[in-house]
Amino acid sequence: MEDADLQHKARYGDKTAFTELANRYYPALCRHAQYFVRDVGTAEDIVQEALLKAFLRIKQYDPERSFSTWAYKIVTNCALDYLRKRKDQSLDDLMEVPAEEENHLQEQEDAFERTQQIERLKKAIVTLPLHYQAVVNLYYWEEKSYDEIATIMQKPLGTIKVWLYRAKRQLKEACNG
């Protein structure tokens, strides 16, 4: 069944349709939340909370918009709320750096260099203001358009473009300087 049909049915109380939509977007929403909190379990909790809020507020959903955009907006808000409540914990403590194992010496050296670059980038990202982090995550990892990000973040399109530009500039300075 198409998303539009499921969205319509869910808006009018069809729990099965809502569950189908939630299941379709759950992995991507978890990935998105994990960019903020850097922990799979916490990300899953945030998505569960967000989907519960979405279910309880399904009547407020605008059927002219994509369900995924609406769900991303709710997950983003829940993740930002979580981070605001957890300010006492350093974001560096939440980072995970994936370990890569390669068989050949050259591949190991390349993998080490890539890992170092990724680690520097992750460290730089978590130093950005939360709204810059959100825009970077949505644009680069979730491949959302500027318009979708503007809707999710509830900000004008021009603001999103400025935030992304400033975030890229700060990341470049942090990684190269």
Protein backbone atom coordinates (compact mmCIF):
# COMPACT_ATOMS: atom_id res chain seq x y z
CA MET A 1 0.00 0.00 0.00
CA GLU A 2 1.28 3.50 -0.82
CA ASP A 3 2.28 5.95 1.90
CA ALA A 4 -0.49 8.36 0.92
CA ASP A 5 -3.15 5.69 1.44
CA LEU A 6 -1.65 4.65 4.78
CA GLN A 7 -1.39 8.29 5.87
CA HIS A 8 -5.04 8.88 5.07
CA LYS A 9 -6.18 5.75 6.91
CA ALA A 10 -3.94 6.46 9.91
CA ARG A 11 -5.27 10.01 10.19
CA TYR A 12 -8.78 8.60 10.51
CA GLY A 13 -7.93 6.13 13.25
CA ASP A 14 -6.63 3.02 11.46
CA LYS A 15 -4.02 1.71 13.92
CA THR A 16 -2.77 -0.91 11.46
CA ALA A 17 -2.03 1.78 8.88
CA PHE A 18 -0.13 3.84 11.45
CA THR A 19 1.85 0.76 12.50
CA GLU A 20 2.77 0.08 8.87
CA LEU A 21 3.99 3.66 8.43
CA ALA A 22 5.95 3.52 11.68
CA ASN A 23 7.57 0.24 10.65
CA ARG A 24 8.58 1.66 7.26
CA TYR A 25 10.37 4.63 8.75
CA TYR A 26 11.59 3.15 12.04
CA PRO A 27 15.15 2.25 10.88
CA ALA A 28 15.78 5.66 9.31
CA LEU A 29 14.30 7.47 12.31
CA CYS A 30 16.54 5.45 14.66
CA ARG A 31 19.57 6.30 12.55
CA HIS A 32 18.60 9.97 12.68
CA ALA A 33 18.16 9.93 16.48
CA GLN A 34 21.46 8.08 16.89
CA TYR A 35 23.31 10.94 15.20
CA PHE A 36 22.21 13.11 18.11
CA VAL A 37 22.64 10.77 21.07
CA ARG A 38 25.37 8.41 19.79
CA ASP A 39 23.75 5.40 21.45
CA VAL A 40 21.54 2.80 19.76
CA GLY A 41 19.38 2.03 22.79
CA THR A 42 18.76 5.67 23.62
CA ALA A 43 18.00 6.41 19.96
CA GLU A 44 15.43 3.61 19.91
CA ASP A 45 13.84 5.00 23.09
CA ILE A 46 13.64 8.45 21.51
CA VAL A 47 12.03 7.06 18.37
CA GLN A 48 9.53 5.07 20.42
CA GLU A 49 8.63 8.23 22.34
CA ALA A 50 8.35 10.20 19.08
CA LEU A 51 6.13 7.58 17.43
CA LEU A 52 3.89 7.50 20.49
CA LYS A 53 3.56 11.29 20.30
CA ALA A 54 2.83 11.01 16.58
CA PHE A 55 0.16 8.40 17.20
CA LEU A 56 -1.48 10.47 19.93
CA ARG A 57 -1.42 13.57 17.72
CA ILE A 58 -2.26 11.95 14.40
CA LYS A 59 -5.29 14.22 14.00
CA GLN A 60 -2.88 17.20 13.89
CA TYR A 61 -0.95 15.65 11.00
CA ASP A 62 -1.23 17.66 7.77
CA PRO A 63 -1.95 15.11 5.00
CA GLU A 64 -0.53 17.52 2.41
CA ARG A 65 2.93 16.85 3.83
CA SER A 66 4.97 13.68 3.91
CA PHE A 67 4.54 11.46 6.95
CA SER A 68 8.31 10.93 7.06
CA THR A 69 8.96 14.69 7.28
CA TRP A 70 6.48 14.98 10.12
CA ALA A 71 8.01 11.98 11.91
CA TYR A 72 11.55 13.35 11.47
CA LYS A 73 10.41 16.64 12.98
CA ILE A 74 9.04 14.88 16.06
CA VAL A 75 12.16 12.70 16.44
CA THR A 76 14.39 15.76 16.08
CA ASN A 77 12.46 17.59 18.79
CA CYS A 78 12.55 14.57 21.12
CA ALA A 79 16.31 14.11 20.57
CA LEU A 80 17.02 17.79 21.19
CA ASP A 81 14.88 17.68 24.35
CA TYR A 82 16.82 14.63 25.52
CA LEU A 83 20.16 16.38 24.91
CA ARG A 84 19.04 19.52 26.72
CA LYS A 85 18.11 17.40 29.74
CA ARG A 86 21.46 15.58 29.60
CA LYS A 87 23.74 18.62 29.39
CA ASP A 88 25.69 17.32 32.37
CA GLN A 89 27.05 14.46 30.25
CA SER A 90 29.78 15.29 27.77
CA LEU A 91 28.86 14.58 24.17
CA ASP A 92 32.37 13.18 23.68
CA ASP A 93 31.48 10.39 26.11
CA LEU A 94 28.64 9.34 23.83
CA MET A 95 30.76 9.00 20.68
CA GLU A 96 31.53 5.64 19.20
CA VAL A 97 34.30 5.23 16.68
CA PRO A 98 33.89 2.14 14.51
CA ALA A 99 36.93 -0.15 14.36
CA GLU A 100 37.92 -1.31 10.90
CA GLU A 101 40.03 -4.40 10.37
CA GLU A 102 41.78 -4.94 7.05
CA ASN A 103 44.00 -7.84 5.93
CA HIS A 104 46.60 -5.96 3.92
CA LEU A 105 49.03 -3.45 5.34
CA GLN A 106 48.12 -0.69 2.86
CA GLU A 107 44.42 -1.26 3.47
CA GLN A 108 45.08 -1.04 7.21
CA GLU A 109 46.92 2.24 6.80
CA ASP A 110 44.12 3.63 4.62
CA ALA A 111 41.49 2.43 7.06
CA PHE A 112 43.38 4.00 9.97
CA GLU A 113 43.56 7.33 8.14
CA ARG A 114 39.84 7.19 7.28
CA THR A 115 39.00 6.33 10.89
CA GLN A 116 41.09 9.27 12.08
CA GLN A 117 39.29 11.57 9.64
CA ILE A 118 35.88 10.26 10.71
CA GLU A 119 36.83 10.65 14.37
CA ARG A 120 37.97 14.25 13.78
CA LEU A 121 34.76 14.97 11.89
CA LYS A 122 32.56 13.44 14.62
CA LYS A 123 34.40 15.41 17.29
CA ALA A 124 33.95 18.57 15.26
CA ILE A 125 30.24 17.88 14.68
CA VAL A 126 29.46 17.47 18.36
CA THR A 127 31.06 20.85 19.08
CA LEU A 128 28.57 22.57 16.76
CA PRO A 129 25.44 24.15 18.23
CA LEU A 130 22.60 21.62 18.34
CA HIS A 131 20.67 23.26 15.50
CA TYR A 132 23.76 23.05 13.24
CA GLN A 133 24.21 19.39 14.20
CA ALA A 134 20.60 18.70 13.27
CA VAL A 135 20.93 20.38 9.87
CA VAL A 136 24.20 18.56 9.07
CA ASN A 137 22.71 15.20 10.06
CA LEU A 138 19.52 15.72 8.09
CA TYR A 139 21.28 16.99 4.97
CA TYR A 140 24.29 14.69 4.74
CA TRP A 141 23.25 11.46 6.43
CA GLU A 142 19.49 11.45 5.98
CA GLU A 143 19.74 13.11 2.54
CA LYS A 144 16.86 15.47 3.21
CA SER A 145 16.32 18.46 0.92
CA TYR A 146 16.57 22.02 2.17
CA ASP A 147 12.77 22.28 2.02
CA GLU A 148 12.30 19.11 4.07
CA ILE A 149 14.83 20.31 6.64
CA ALA A 150 13.07 23.67 6.87
CA THR A 151 9.80 21.86 7.55
CA ILE A 152 11.36 19.49 10.09
CA MET A 153 13.18 22.29 11.92
CA GLN A 154 10.25 24.72 11.55
CA LYS A 155 12.55 27.43 10.22
CA PRO A 156 12.60 29.48 7.00
CA LEU A 157 14.48 28.01 4.06
CA GLY A 158 17.03 30.85 4.14
CA THR A 159 17.83 30.11 7.77
CA ILE A 160 18.50 26.45 6.97
CA LYS A 161 20.86 27.41 4.14
CA VAL A 162 22.74 29.82 6.40
CA TRP A 163 22.99 27.25 9.20
CA LEU A 164 24.33 24.60 6.83
CA TYR A 165 26.84 27.04 5.34
CA ARG A 166 28.04 28.11 8.80
CA ALA A 167 28.19 24.51 10.02
CA LYS A 168 30.30 23.49 7.00
CA ARG A 169 32.60 26.46 7.55
CA GLN A 170 33.04 25.59 11.25
CA LEU A 171 33.64 21.91 10.42
CA LYS A 172 36.25 22.82 7.82
CA GLU A 173 38.05 25.06 10.30
CA ALA A 174 37.88 22.43 13.04
CA CYS A 175 39.14 19.61 10.81
CA ASN A 176 41.87 21.57 9.06
CA GLY A 177 42.98 23.85 11.86
